Amino acid sequence: MRFSSSLKLNHVFRRLYRTSGHCSRALVLYARRNGTDTNRVGITVSKKLGHAVVRNRVRRRIREVYRLNEEQFAQGWDIVMVARSRAIGCSFDELTKSCLKLAAEAGILREGSR
């Protein structure tokens, strides 16, 4: 990820969970301004979704969706994407559409990319 870094601190995740989230069948997206020029992205996959292999596959796919569309996201946001159980069976195109739709709803896409 060229313009972004990872979210790793628990208190930042908890702060984002208190914001209003945007939901789709496969993902939930939480976003909040962070006051910097870069985005910080975190991906959460619950143990309820399956064993480690399944969870890591979902996490990798969501990370790749963000990486390929990173230029479309406005800078200066903390973003957390939470995988739902339907994310396991979704195709890559469905995950991409879902992620971009949620980002548009949250208002974190650049003006020209909408």
PDB file of N, CA and C in Angstrom:
ATOM      1  N   MET A   1       0.849  -1.168   0.000  1.00  0.00           N
ATOM      2  CA  MET A   1       0.000   0.000   0.000  1.00  0.00           C
ATOM      3  C   MET A   1       0.897   1.234   0.000  1.00  0.00           C
ATOM      4  N   ARG A   2       0.765   2.011  -1.038  1.00  0.00           N
ATOM      5  CA  ARG A   2       1.667   3.120  -1.251  1.00  0.00           C
ATOM      6  C   ARG A   2       1.331   4.327  -0.390  1.00  0.00           C
ATOM      7  N   PHE A   3       0.047   4.626  -0.237  1.00  0.00           N
ATOM      8  CA  PHE A   3      -0.348   5.835   0.468  1.00  0.00           C
ATOM      9  C   PHE A   3      -0.869   5.559   1.874  1.00  0.00           C
ATOM     10  N   SER A   4      -0.804   4.328   2.312  1.00  0.00           N
ATOM     11  CA  SER A   4      -1.450   3.950   3.560  1.00  0.00           C
ATOM     12  C   SER A   4      -0.524   3.138   4.448  1.00  0.00           C
ATOM     13  N   SER A   5      -0.904   3.075   5.716  1.00  0.00           N
ATOM     14  CA  SER A   5      -0.207   2.213   6.663  1.00  0.00           C
ATOM     15  C   SER A   5      -1.258   1.377   7.389  1.00  0.00           C
ATOM     16  N   SER A   6      -0.799   0.449   8.204  1.00  0.00           N
ATOM     17  CA  SER A   6      -1.713  -0.463   8.897  1.00  0.00           C
ATOM     18  C   SER A   6      -2.135   0.109  10.235  1.00  0.00           C
ATOM     19  N   LEU A   7      -3.357  -0.183  10.602  1.00  0.00           N
ATOM     20  CA  LEU A   7      -3.845   0.108  11.942  1.00  0.00           C
ATOM     21  C   LEU A   7      -3.552  -1.105  12.812  1.00  0.00           C
ATOM     22  N   LYS A   8      -2.912  -0.894  13.927  1.00  0.00           N
ATOM     23  CA  LYS A   8      -2.560  -2.024  14.767  1.00  0.00           C
ATOM     24  C   LYS A   8      -2.980  -1.849  16.229  1.00  0.00           C
ATOM     25  N   LEU A   9      -3.201  -0.621  16.658  1.00  0.00           N
ATOM     26  CA  LEU A   9      -3.480  -0.370  18.071  1.00  0.00           C
ATOM     27  C   LEU A   9      -4.947  -0.602  18.402  1.00  0.00           C
ATOM     28  N   ASN A  10      -5.186  -1.313  19.486  1.00  0.00           N
ATOM     29  CA  ASN A  10      -6.531  -1.698  19.890  1.00  0.00           C
ATOM     30  C   ASN A  10      -7.399  -0.486  20.194  1.00  0.00           C
ATOM     31  N   HIS A  11      -6.838   0.546  20.827  1.00  0.00           N
ATOM     32  CA  HIS A  11      -7.670   1.696  21.185  1.00  0.00           C
ATOM     33  C   HIS A  11      -8.127   2.463  19.949  1.00  0.00           C
ATOM     34  N   VAL A  12      -7.378   2.409  18.866  1.00  0.00           N
ATOM     35  CA  VAL A  12      -7.809   3.064  17.627  1.00  0.00           C
ATOM     36  C   VAL A  12      -8.960   2.282  17.000  1.00  0.00           C
ATOM     37  N   PHE A  13      -8.870   0.954  17.016  1.00  0.00           N
ATOM     38  CA  PHE A  13      -9.968   0.130  16.521  1.00  0.00           C
ATOM     39  C   PHE A  13     -11.237   0.406  17.332  1.00  0.00           C
ATOM     40  N   ARG A  14     -11.122   0.445  18.646  1.00  0.00           N
ATOM     41  CA  ARG A  14     -12.290   0.666  19.500  1.00  0.00           C
ATOM     42  C   ARG A  14     -12.902   2.041  19.248  1.00  0.00           C
ATOM     43  N   ARG A  15     -12.057   3.057  19.011  1.00  0.00           N
ATOM     44  CA  ARG A  15     -12.557   4.396  18.726  1.00  0.00           C
ATOM     45  C   ARG A  15     -13.357   4.400  17.414  1.00  0.00           C
ATOM     46  N   LEU A  16     -12.886   3.652  16.433  1.00  0.00           N
ATOM     47  CA  LEU A  16     -13.596   3.586  15.157  1.00  0.00           C
ATOM     48  C   LEU A  16     -14.898   2.808  15.269  1.00  0.00           C
ATOM     49  N   TYR A  17     -14.942   1.781  16.093  1.00  0.00           N
ATOM     50  CA  TYR A  17     -16.162   1.008  16.264  1.00  0.00           C
ATOM     51  C   TYR A  17     -17.282   1.851  16.873  1.00  0.00           C
ATOM     52  N   ARG A  18     -16.942   2.931  17.562  1.00  0.00           N
ATOM     53  CA  ARG A  18     -17.963   3.805  18.143  1.00  0.00           C
ATOM     54  C   ARG A  18     -18.569   4.758  17.117  1.00  0.00           C
ATOM     55  N   THR A  19     -17.971   4.861  15.933  1.00  0.00           N
ATOM     56  CA  THR A  19     -18.541   5.701  14.878  1.00  0.00           C
ATOM     57  C   THR A  19     -19.652   4.936  14.176  1.00  0.00           C
ATOM     58  N   SER A  20     -20.396   5.636  13.353  1.00  0.00           N
ATOM     59  CA  SER A  20     -21.451   4.949  12.607  1.00  0.00           C
ATOM     60  C   SER A  20     -20.821   4.200  11.442  1.00  0.00           C
ATOM     61  N   GLY A  21     -21.159   2.953  11.314  1.00  0.00           N
ATOM     62  CA  GLY A  21     -20.606   2.117  10.261  1.00  0.00           C
ATOM     63  C   GLY A  21     -21.534   2.039   9.069  1.00  0.00           C
ATOM     64  N   HIS A  22     -20.987   1.595   7.961  1.00  0.00           N
ATOM     65  CA  HIS A  22     -21.756   1.400   6.738  1.00  0.00           C
ATOM     66  C   HIS A  22     -21.681  -0.081   6.397  1.00  0.00           C
ATOM     67  N   CYS A  23     -22.841  -0.699   6.151  1.00  0.00           N
ATOM     68  CA  CYS A  23     -22.916  -2.153   6.028  1.00  0.00           C
ATOM     69  C   CYS A  23     -23.313  -2.589   4.628  1.00  0.00           C
ATOM     70  N   SER A  24     -22.775  -3.718   4.241  1.00  0.00           N
ATOM     71  CA  SER A  24     -23.227  -4.426   3.048  1.00  0.00           C
ATOM     72  C   SER A  24     -23.347  -5.897   3.429  1.00  0.00           C
ATOM     73  N   ARG A  25     -23.635  -6.730   2.452  1.00  0.00           N
ATOM     74  CA  ARG A  25     -23.771  -8.156   2.745  1.00  0.00           C
ATOM     75  C   ARG A  25     -22.464  -8.771   3.199  1.00  0.00           C
ATOM     76  N   ALA A  26     -21.339  -8.301   2.663  1.00  0.00           N
ATOM     77  CA  ALA A  26     -20.060  -8.941   2.921  1.00  0.00           C
ATOM     78  C   ALA A  26     -19.163  -8.159   3.870  1.00  0.00           C
ATOM     79  N   LEU A  27     -19.341  -6.840   3.972  1.00  0.00           N
ATOM     80  CA  LEU A  27     -18.420  -6.003   4.740  1.00  0.00           C
ATOM     81  C   LEU A  27     -19.167  -4.983   5.585  1.00  0.00           C
ATOM     82  N   VAL A  28     -18.456  -4.518   6.613  1.00  0.00           N
ATOM     83  CA  VAL A  28     -18.864  -3.343   7.370  1.00  0.00           C
ATOM     84  C   VAL A  28     -17.670  -2.412   7.352  1.00  0.00           C
ATOM     85  N   LEU A  29     -17.898  -1.132   7.054  1.00  0.00           N
ATOM     86  CA  LEU A  29     -16.801  -0.172   6.959  1.00  0.00           C
ATOM     87  C   LEU A  29     -17.009   0.933   7.978  1.00  0.00           C
ATOM     88  N   TYR A  30     -15.980   1.192   8.766  1.00  0.00           N
ATOM     89  CA  TYR A  30     -15.955   2.297   9.717  1.00  0.00           C
ATOM     90  C   TYR A  30     -14.866   3.255   9.273  1.00  0.00           C
ATOM     91  N   ALA A  31     -15.144   4.563   9.311  1.00  0.00           N
ATOM     92  CA  ALA A  31     -14.147   5.537   8.880  1.00  0.00           C
ATOM     93  C   ALA A  31     -14.214   6.775   9.778  1.00  0.00           C
ATOM     94  N   ARG A  32     -13.039   7.377   9.970  1.00  0.00           N
ATOM     95  CA  ARG A  32     -12.928   8.583  10.789  1.00  0.00           C
ATOM     96  C   ARG A  32     -11.686   9.337  10.351  1.00  0.00           C
ATOM     97  N   ARG A  33     -11.750  10.649  10.339  1.00  0.00           N
ATOM     98  CA  ARG A  33     -10.581  11.453   9.982  1.00  0.00           C
ATOM     99  C   ARG A  33      -9.477  11.262  11.013  1.00  0.00           C
ATOM    100  N   ASN A  34      -8.211  11.260  10.540  1.00  0.00           N
ATOM    101  CA  ASN A  34      -7.100  11.066  11.482  1.00  0.00           C
ATOM    102  C   ASN A  34      -6.169  12.267  11.575  1.00  0.00           C
ATOM    103  N   GLY A  35      -6.385  13.302  10.769  1.00  0.00           N
ATOM    104  CA  GLY A  35      -5.592  14.515  10.885  1.00  0.00           C
ATOM    105  C   GLY A  35      -4.206  14.438  10.266  1.00  0.00           C
ATOM    106  N   THR A  36      -3.925  13.414   9.472  1.00  0.00           N
ATOM    107  CA  THR A  36      -2.643  13.305   8.795  1.00  0.00           C
ATOM    108  C   THR A  36      -2.877  13.271   7.284  1.00  0.00           C
ATOM    109  N   ASP A  37      -1.800  13.120   6.534  1.00  0.00           N
ATOM    110  CA  ASP A  37      -1.911  13.055   5.081  1.00  0.00           C
ATOM    111  C   ASP A  37      -1.981  11.642   4.552  1.00  0.00           C
ATOM    112  N   THR A  38      -2.010  10.652   5.431  1.00  0.00           N
ATOM    113  CA  THR A  38      -2.051   9.260   4.994  1.00  0.00           C
ATOM    114  C   THR A  38      -3.268   8.567   5.589  1.00  0.00           C
ATOM    115  N   ASN A  39      -3.651   7.496   4.949  1.00  0.00           N
ATOM    116  CA  ASN A  39      -4.714   6.644   5.482  1.00  0.00           C
ATOM    117  C   ASN A  39      -4.092   5.556   6.340  1.00  0.00           C
ATOM    118  N   ARG A  40      -4.837   5.130   7.335  1.00  0.00           N
ATOM    119  CA  ARG A  40      -4.464   3.958   8.123  1.00  0.00           C
ATOM    120  C   ARG A  40      -5.606   2.969   7.990  1.00  0.00           C
ATOM    121  N   VAL A  41      -5.273   1.745   7.604  1.00  0.00           N
ATOM    122  CA  VAL A  41      -6.293   0.750   7.281  1.00  0.00           C
ATOM    123  C   VAL A  41      -6.144  -0.454   8.196  1.00  0.00           C
ATOM    124  N   GLY A  42      -7.268  -0.917   8.739  1.00  0.00           N
ATOM    125  CA  GLY A  42      -7.298  -2.125   9.539  1.00  0.00           C
ATOM    126  C   GLY A  42      -8.372  -3.065   9.004  1.00  0.00           C
ATOM    127  N   ILE A  43      -8.087  -4.349   9.055  1.00  0.00           N
ATOM    128  CA  ILE A  43      -9.032  -5.354   8.582  1.00  0.00           C
ATOM    129  C   ILE A  43      -9.281  -6.336   9.714  1.00  0.00           C
ATOM    130  N   THR A  44     -10.543  -6.587  10.001  1.00  0.00           N
ATOM    131  CA  THR A  44     -10.920  -7.479  11.089  1.00  0.00           C
ATOM    132  C   THR A  44     -11.720  -8.642  10.534  1.00  0.00           C
ATOM    133  N   VAL A  45     -11.322  -9.857  10.925  1.00  0.00           N
ATOM    134  CA  VAL A  45     -12.042 -11.063  10.545  1.00  0.00           C
ATOM    135  C   VAL A  45     -12.219 -11.893  11.808  1.00  0.00           C
ATOM    136  N   SER A  46     -13.455 -12.166  12.165  1.00  0.00           N
ATOM    137  CA  SER A  46     -13.760 -12.872  13.405  1.00  0.00           C
ATOM    138  C   SER A  46     -13.436 -14.359  13.303  1.00  0.00           C
ATOM    139  N   LYS A  47     -13.192 -14.970  14.438  1.00  0.00           N
ATOM    140  CA  LYS A  47     -12.973 -16.417  14.483  1.00  0.00           C
ATOM    141  C   LYS A  47     -14.217 -17.196  14.111  1.00  0.00           C
ATOM    142  N   LYS A  48     -15.357 -16.548  14.171  1.00  0.00           N
ATOM    143  CA  LYS A  48     -16.607 -17.213  13.811  1.00  0.00           C
ATOM    144  C   LYS A  48     -16.661 -17.565  12.324  1.00  0.00           C
ATOM    145  N   LEU A  49     -15.833 -16.907  11.520  1.00  0.00           N
ATOM    146  CA  LEU A  49     -15.868 -17.137  10.079  1.00  0.00           C
ATOM    147  C   LEU A  49     -15.190 -18.429   9.670  1.00  0.00           C
ATOM    148  N   GLY A  50     -14.336 -18.983  10.498  1.00  0.00           N
ATOM    149  CA  GLY A  50     -13.689 -20.233  10.145  1.00  0.00           C
ATOM    150  C   GLY A  50     -12.300 -20.337  10.744  1.00  0.00           C
ATOM    151  N   HIS A  51     -11.579 -21.343  10.291  1.00  0.00           N
ATOM    152  CA  HIS A  51     -10.223 -21.565  10.772  1.00  0.00           C
ATOM    153  C   HIS A  51      -9.286 -20.519  10.204  1.00  0.00           C
ATOM    154  N   ALA A  52      -8.034 -20.556  10.625  1.00  0.00           N
ATOM    155  CA  ALA A  52      -7.054 -19.533  10.270  1.00  0.00           C
ATOM    156  C   ALA A  52      -6.861 -19.405   8.760  1.00  0.00           C
ATOM    157  N   VAL A  53      -6.904 -20.528   8.053  1.00  0.00           N
ATOM    158  CA  VAL A  53      -6.705 -20.489   6.605  1.00  0.00           C
ATOM    159  C   VAL A  53      -7.807 -19.668   5.943  1.00  0.00           C
ATOM    160  N   VAL A  54      -9.038 -19.883   6.356  1.00  0.00           N
ATOM    161  CA  VAL A  54     -10.181 -19.167   5.793  1.00  0.00           C
ATOM    162  C   VAL A  54     -10.100 -17.686   6.155  1.00  0.00           C
ATOM    163  N   ARG A  55      -9.832 -17.388   7.410  1.00  0.00           N
ATOM    164  CA  ARG A  55      -9.752 -15.993   7.851  1.00  0.00           C
ATOM    165  C   ARG A  55      -8.634 -15.249   7.134  1.00  0.00           C
ATOM    166  N   ASN A  56      -7.482 -15.875   6.990  1.00  0.00           N
ATOM    167  CA  ASN A  56      -6.367 -15.213   6.325  1.00  0.00           C
ATOM    168  C   ASN A  56      -6.643 -14.989   4.846  1.00  0.00           C
ATOM    169  N   ARG A  57      -7.349 -15.917   4.196  1.00  0.00           N
ATOM    170  CA  ARG A  57      -7.700 -15.733   2.793  1.00  0.00           C
ATOM    171  C   ARG A  57      -8.616 -14.531   2.624  1.00  0.00           C
ATOM    172  N   VAL A  58      -9.613 -14.410   3.483  1.00  0.00           N
ATOM    173  CA  VAL A  58     -10.526 -13.269   3.428  1.00  0.00           C
ATOM    174  C   VAL A  58      -9.760 -11.975   3.681  1.00  0.00           C
ATOM    175  N   ARG A  59      -8.884 -11.984   4.654  1.00  0.00           N
ATOM    176  CA  ARG A  59      -8.086 -10.798   4.986  1.00  0.00           C
ATOM    177  C   ARG A  59      -7.203 -10.382   3.805  1.00  0.00           C
ATOM    178  N   ARG A  60      -6.565 -11.343   3.160  1.00  0.00           N
ATOM    179  CA  ARG A  60      -5.714 -11.038   2.003  1.00  0.00           C
ATOM    180  C   ARG A  60      -6.526 -10.456   0.856  1.00  0.00           C
ATOM    181  N   ARG A  61      -7.706 -11.011   0.612  1.00  0.00           N
ATOM    182  CA  ARG A  61      -8.541 -10.513  -0.484  1.00  0.00           C
ATOM    183  C   ARG A  61      -9.011  -9.089  -0.225  1.00  0.00           C
ATOM    184  N   ILE A  62      -9.415  -8.790   1.001  1.00  0.00           N
ATOM    185  CA  ILE A  62      -9.860  -7.430   1.328  1.00  0.00           C
ATOM    186  C   ILE A  62      -8.682  -6.460   1.218  1.00  0.00           C
ATOM    187  N   ARG A  63      -7.516  -6.864   1.679  1.00  0.00           N
ATOM    188  CA  ARG A  63      -6.330  -6.010   1.572  1.00  0.00           C
ATOM    189  C   ARG A  63      -5.990  -5.728   0.115  1.00  0.00           C
ATOM    190  N   GLU A  64      -6.132  -6.729  -0.749  1.00  0.00           N
ATOM    191  CA  GLU A  64      -5.853  -6.551  -2.172  1.00  0.00           C
ATOM    192  C   GLU A  64      -6.888  -5.649  -2.833  1.00  0.00           C
ATOM    193  N   VAL A  65      -8.140  -5.752  -2.439  1.00  0.00           N
ATOM    194  CA  VAL A  65      -9.172  -4.849  -2.954  1.00  0.00           C
ATOM    195  C   VAL A  65      -8.790  -3.407  -2.623  1.00  0.00           C
ATOM    196  N   TYR A  66      -8.381  -3.174  -1.395  1.00  0.00           N
ATOM    197  CA  TYR A  66      -7.990  -1.813  -1.014  1.00  0.00           C
ATOM    198  C   TYR A  66      -6.745  -1.377  -1.784  1.00  0.00           C
ATOM    199  N   ARG A  67      -5.765  -2.243  -1.899  1.00  0.00           N
ATOM    200  CA  ARG A  67      -4.509  -1.884  -2.556  1.00  0.00           C
ATOM    201  C   ARG A  67      -4.734  -1.493  -4.011  1.00  0.00           C
ATOM    202  N   LEU A  68      -5.572  -2.238  -4.724  1.00  0.00           N
ATOM    203  CA  LEU A  68      -5.824  -1.956  -6.132  1.00  0.00           C
ATOM    204  C   LEU A  68      -6.624  -0.671  -6.339  1.00  0.00           C
ATOM    205  N   ASN A  69      -7.406  -0.272  -5.360  1.00  0.00           N
ATOM    206  CA  ASN A  69      -8.250   0.918  -5.481  1.00  0.00           C
ATOM    207  C   ASN A  69      -7.798   2.054  -4.572  1.00  0.00           C
ATOM    208  N   GLU A  70      -6.577   1.990  -4.109  1.00  0.00           N
ATOM    209  CA  GLU A  70      -6.085   2.944  -3.114  1.00  0.00           C
ATOM    210  C   GLU A  70      -6.107   4.386  -3.610  1.00  0.00           C
ATOM    211  N   GLU A  71      -5.878   4.613  -4.894  1.00  0.00           N
ATOM    212  CA  GLU A  71      -5.856   5.976  -5.423  1.00  0.00           C
ATOM    213  C   GLU A  71      -7.231   6.633  -5.392  1.00  0.00           C
ATOM    214  N   GLN A  72      -8.286   5.834  -5.326  1.00  0.00           N
ATOM    215  CA  GLN A  72      -9.636   6.385  -5.305  1.00  0.00           C
ATOM    216  C   GLN A  72     -10.040   6.900  -3.933  1.00  0.00           C
ATOM    217  N   PHE A  73      -9.328   6.495  -2.877  1.00  0.00           N
ATOM    218  CA  PHE A  73      -9.680   6.893  -1.519  1.00  0.00           C
ATOM    219  C   PHE A  73      -9.040   8.240  -1.188  1.00  0.00           C
ATOM    220  N   ALA A  74      -9.805   9.105  -0.532  1.00  0.00           N
ATOM    221  CA  ALA A  74      -9.277  10.382  -0.061  1.00  0.00           C
ATOM    222  C   ALA A  74      -8.261  10.122   1.050  1.00  0.00           C
ATOM    223  N   GLN A  75      -7.327  11.045   1.205  1.00  0.00           N
ATOM    224  CA  GLN A  75      -6.273  10.880   2.205  1.00  0.00           C
ATOM    225  C   GLN A  75      -6.707  11.468   3.551  1.00  0.00           C
ATOM    226  N   GLY A  76      -6.121  10.951   4.621  1.00  0.00           N
ATOM    227  CA  GLY A  76      -6.372  11.481   5.953  1.00  0.00           C
ATOM    228  C   GLY A  76      -7.475  10.774   6.715  1.00  0.00           C
ATOM    229  N   TRP A  77      -7.658   9.479   6.481  1.00  0.00           N
ATOM    230  CA  TRP A  77      -8.725   8.728   7.133  1.00  0.00           C
ATOM    231  C   TRP A  77      -8.179   7.489   7.823  1.00  0.00           C
ATOM    232  N   ASP A  78      -8.799   7.133   8.946  1.00  0.00           N
ATOM    233  CA  ASP A  78      -8.621   5.816   9.552  1.00  0.00           C
ATOM    234  C   ASP A  78      -9.798   4.973   9.065  1.00  0.00           C
ATOM    235  N   ILE A  79      -9.487   3.810   8.522  1.00  0.00           N
ATOM    236  CA  ILE A  79     -10.517   2.953   7.925  1.00  0.00           C
ATOM    237  C   ILE A  79     -10.398   1.557   8.524  1.00  0.00           C
ATOM    238  N   VAL A  80     -11.517   1.011   8.979  1.00  0.00           N
ATOM    239  CA  VAL A  80     -11.557  -0.372   9.437  1.00  0.00           C
ATOM    240  C   VAL A  80     -12.617  -1.096   8.632  1.00  0.00           C
ATOM    241  N   MET A  81     -12.216  -2.220   8.035  1.00  0.00           N
ATOM    242  CA  MET A  81     -13.147  -3.064   7.295  1.00  0.00           C
ATOM    243  C   MET A  81     -13.323  -4.362   8.066  1.00  0.00           C
ATOM    244  N   VAL A  82     -14.556  -4.701   8.363  1.00  0.00           N
ATOM    245  CA  VAL A  82     -14.880  -5.910   9.109  1.00  0.00           C
ATOM    246  C   VAL A  82     -15.553  -6.878   8.148  1.00  0.00           C
ATOM    247  N   ALA A  83     -15.009  -8.077   8.050  1.00  0.00           N
ATOM    248  CA  ALA A  83     -15.567  -9.091   7.157  1.00  0.00           C
ATOM    249  C   ALA A  83     -16.763  -9.759   7.823  1.00  0.00           C
ATOM    250  N   ARG A  84     -17.820  -9.941   7.060  1.00  0.00           N
ATOM    251  CA  ARG A  84     -18.976 -10.692   7.508  1.00  0.00           C
ATOM    252  C   ARG A  84     -18.887 -12.107   6.941  1.00  0.00           C
ATOM    253  N   SER A  85     -19.756 -12.968   7.389  1.00  0.00           N
ATOM    254  CA  SER A  85     -19.675 -14.370   6.981  1.00  0.00           C
ATOM    255  C   SER A  85     -19.863 -14.557   5.476  1.00  0.00           C
ATOM    256  N   ARG A  86     -20.592 -13.689   4.820  1.00  0.00           N
ATOM    257  CA  ARG A  86     -20.788 -13.817   3.377  1.00  0.00           C
ATOM    258  C   ARG A  86     -19.547 -13.430   2.582  1.00  0.00           C
ATOM    259  N   ALA A  87     -18.570 -12.825   3.216  1.00  0.00           N
ATOM    260  CA  ALA A  87     -17.334 -12.462   2.514  1.00  0.00           C
ATOM    261  C   ALA A  87     -16.550 -13.701   2.098  1.00  0.00           C
ATOM    262  N   ILE A  88     -16.791 -14.816   2.765  1.00  0.00           N
ATOM    263  CA  ILE A  88     -16.066 -16.049   2.438  1.00  0.00           C
ATOM    264  C   ILE A  88     -16.433 -16.527   1.044  1.00  0.00           C
ATOM    265  N   GLY A  89     -17.706 -16.492   0.692  1.00  0.00           N
ATOM    266  CA  GLY A  89     -18.151 -17.009  -0.589  1.00  0.00           C
ATOM    267  C   GLY A  89     -18.201 -15.981  -1.708  1.00  0.00           C
ATOM    268  N   CYS A  90     -17.907 -14.719  -1.413  1.00  0.00           N
ATOM    269  CA  CYS A  90     -17.980 -13.668  -2.425  1.00  0.00           C
ATOM    270  C   CYS A  90     -16.838 -13.769  -3.409  1.00  0.00           C
ATOM    271  N   SER A  91     -17.132 -13.415  -4.645  1.00  0.00           N
ATOM    272  CA  SER A  91     -16.064 -13.317  -5.633  1.00  0.00           C
ATOM    273  C   SER A  91     -15.285 -12.024  -5.390  1.00  0.00           C
ATOM    274  N   PHE A  92     -14.141 -11.930  -6.035  1.00  0.00           N
ATOM    275  CA  PHE A  92     -13.295 -10.754  -5.868  1.00  0.00           C
ATOM    276  C   PHE A  92     -14.014  -9.507  -6.385  1.00  0.00           C
ATOM    277  N   ASP A  93     -14.745  -9.641  -7.477  1.00  0.00           N
ATOM    278  CA  ASP A  93     -15.479  -8.506  -8.037  1.00  0.00           C
ATOM    279  C   ASP A  93     -16.576  -8.031  -7.082  1.00  0.00           C
ATOM    280  N   GLU A  94     -17.258  -8.961  -6.437  1.00  0.00           N
ATOM    281  CA  GLU A  94     -18.292  -8.589  -5.476  1.00  0.00           C
ATOM    282  C   GLU A  94     -17.690  -7.856  -4.283  1.00  0.00           C
ATOM    283  N   LEU A  95     -16.533  -8.330  -3.806  1.00  0.00           N
ATOM    284  CA  LEU A  95     -15.860  -7.633  -2.705  1.00  0.00           C
ATOM    285  C   LEU A  95     -15.438  -6.230  -3.118  1.00  0.00           C
ATOM    286  N   THR A  96     -14.943  -6.090  -4.342  1.00  0.00           N
ATOM    287  CA  THR A  96     -14.517  -4.778  -4.830  1.00  0.00           C
ATOM    288  C   THR A  96     -15.702  -3.823  -4.905  1.00  0.00           C
ATOM    289  N   LYS A  97     -16.806  -4.263  -5.488  1.00  0.00           N
ATOM    290  CA  LYS A  97     -17.994  -3.420  -5.597  1.00  0.00           C
ATOM    291  C   LYS A  97     -18.518  -3.038  -4.220  1.00  0.00           C
ATOM    292  N   SER A  98     -18.531  -3.994  -3.315  1.00  0.00           N
ATOM    293  CA  SER A  98     -19.024  -3.744  -1.969  1.00  0.00           C
ATOM    294  C   SER A  98     -18.157  -2.718  -1.250  1.00  0.00           C
ATOM    295  N   CYS A  99     -16.850  -2.875  -1.362  1.00  0.00           N
ATOM    296  CA  CYS A  99     -15.927  -1.958  -0.688  1.00  0.00           C
ATOM    297  C   CYS A  99     -16.051  -0.540  -1.234  1.00  0.00           C
ATOM    298  N   LEU A 100     -16.109  -0.397  -2.543  1.00  0.00           N
ATOM    299  CA  LEU A 100     -16.216   0.932  -3.150  1.00  0.00           C
ATOM    300  C   LEU A 100     -17.574   1.579  -2.872  1.00  0.00           C
ATOM    301  N   LYS A 101     -18.626   0.763  -2.836  1.00  0.00           N
ATOM    302  CA  LYS A 101     -19.957   1.293  -2.509  1.00  0.00           C
ATOM    303  C   LYS A 101     -19.994   1.821  -1.080  1.00  0.00           C
ATOM    304  N   LEU A 102     -19.416   1.064  -0.157  1.00  0.00           N
ATOM    305  CA  LEU A 102     -19.381   1.503   1.236  1.00  0.00           C
ATOM    306  C   LEU A 102     -18.520   2.751   1.409  1.00  0.00           C
ATOM    307  N   ALA A 103     -17.411   2.819   0.692  1.00  0.00           N
ATOM    308  CA  ALA A 103     -16.544   3.993   0.770  1.00  0.00           C
ATOM    309  C   ALA A 103     -17.266   5.225   0.235  1.00  0.00           C
ATOM    310  N   ALA A 104     -18.041   5.051  -0.819  1.00  0.00           N
ATOM    311  CA  ALA A 104     -18.811   6.178  -1.355  1.00  0.00           C
ATOM    312  C   ALA A 104     -19.869   6.632  -0.349  1.00  0.00           C
ATOM    313  N   GLU A 105     -20.531   5.678   0.315  1.00  0.00           N
ATOM    314  CA  GLU A 105     -21.523   6.021   1.327  1.00  0.00           C
ATOM    315  C   GLU A 105     -20.888   6.763   2.497  1.00  0.00           C
ATOM    316  N   ALA A 106     -19.673   6.356   2.861  1.00  0.00           N
ATOM    317  CA  ALA A 106     -18.976   6.987   3.980  1.00  0.00           C
ATOM    318  C   ALA A 106     -18.367   8.329   3.593  1.00  0.00           C
ATOM    319  N   GLY A 107     -18.293   8.612   2.293  1.00  0.00           N
ATOM    320  CA  GLY A 107     -17.737   9.883   1.840  1.00  0.00           C
ATOM    321  C   GLY A 107     -16.230   9.933   1.863  1.00  0.00           C
ATOM    322  N   ILE A 108     -15.573   8.787   1.685  1.00  0.00           N
ATOM    323  CA  ILE A 108     -14.109   8.777   1.740  1.00  0.00           C
ATOM    324  C   ILE A 108     -13.474   8.523   0.383  1.00  0.00           C
ATOM    325  N   LEU A 109     -14.261   8.625  -0.686  1.00  0.00           N
ATOM    326  CA  LEU A 109     -13.694   8.532  -2.020  1.00  0.00           C
ATOM    327  C   LEU A 109     -13.332   9.925  -2.514  1.00  0.00           C
ATOM    328  N   ARG A 110     -12.312   9.999  -3.365  1.00  0.00           N
ATOM    329  CA  ARG A 110     -11.947  11.291  -3.959  1.00  0.00           C
ATOM    330  C   ARG A 110     -13.080  11.782  -4.849  1.00  0.00           C
ATOM    331  N   GLU A 111     -13.092  13.069  -5.097  1.00  0.00           N
ATOM    332  CA  GLU A 111     -14.180  13.677  -5.862  1.00  0.00           C
ATOM    333  C   GLU A 111     -14.277  13.120  -7.273  1.00  0.00           C
ATOM    334  N   GLY A 112     -13.169  12.934  -7.973  1.00  0.00           N
ATOM    335  CA  GLY A 112     -13.198  12.481  -9.360  1.00  0.00           C
ATOM    336  C   GLY A 112     -13.497  11.014  -9.545  1.00  0.00           C
ATOM    337  N   SER A 113     -13.445  10.204  -8.490  1.00  0.00           N
ATOM    338  CA  SER A 113     -13.587   8.756  -8.632  1.00  0.00           C
ATOM    339  C   SER A 113     -15.002   8.264  -8.382  1.00  0.00           C
ATOM    340  N   ARG A 114     -15.936   9.146  -8.067  1.00  0.00           N
ATOM    341  CA  ARG A 114     -17.305   8.716  -7.776  1.00  0.00           C
ATOM    342  C   ARG A 114     -18.067   8.442  -9.003  1.00  0.00           C
TER     343      ARG A 114
END
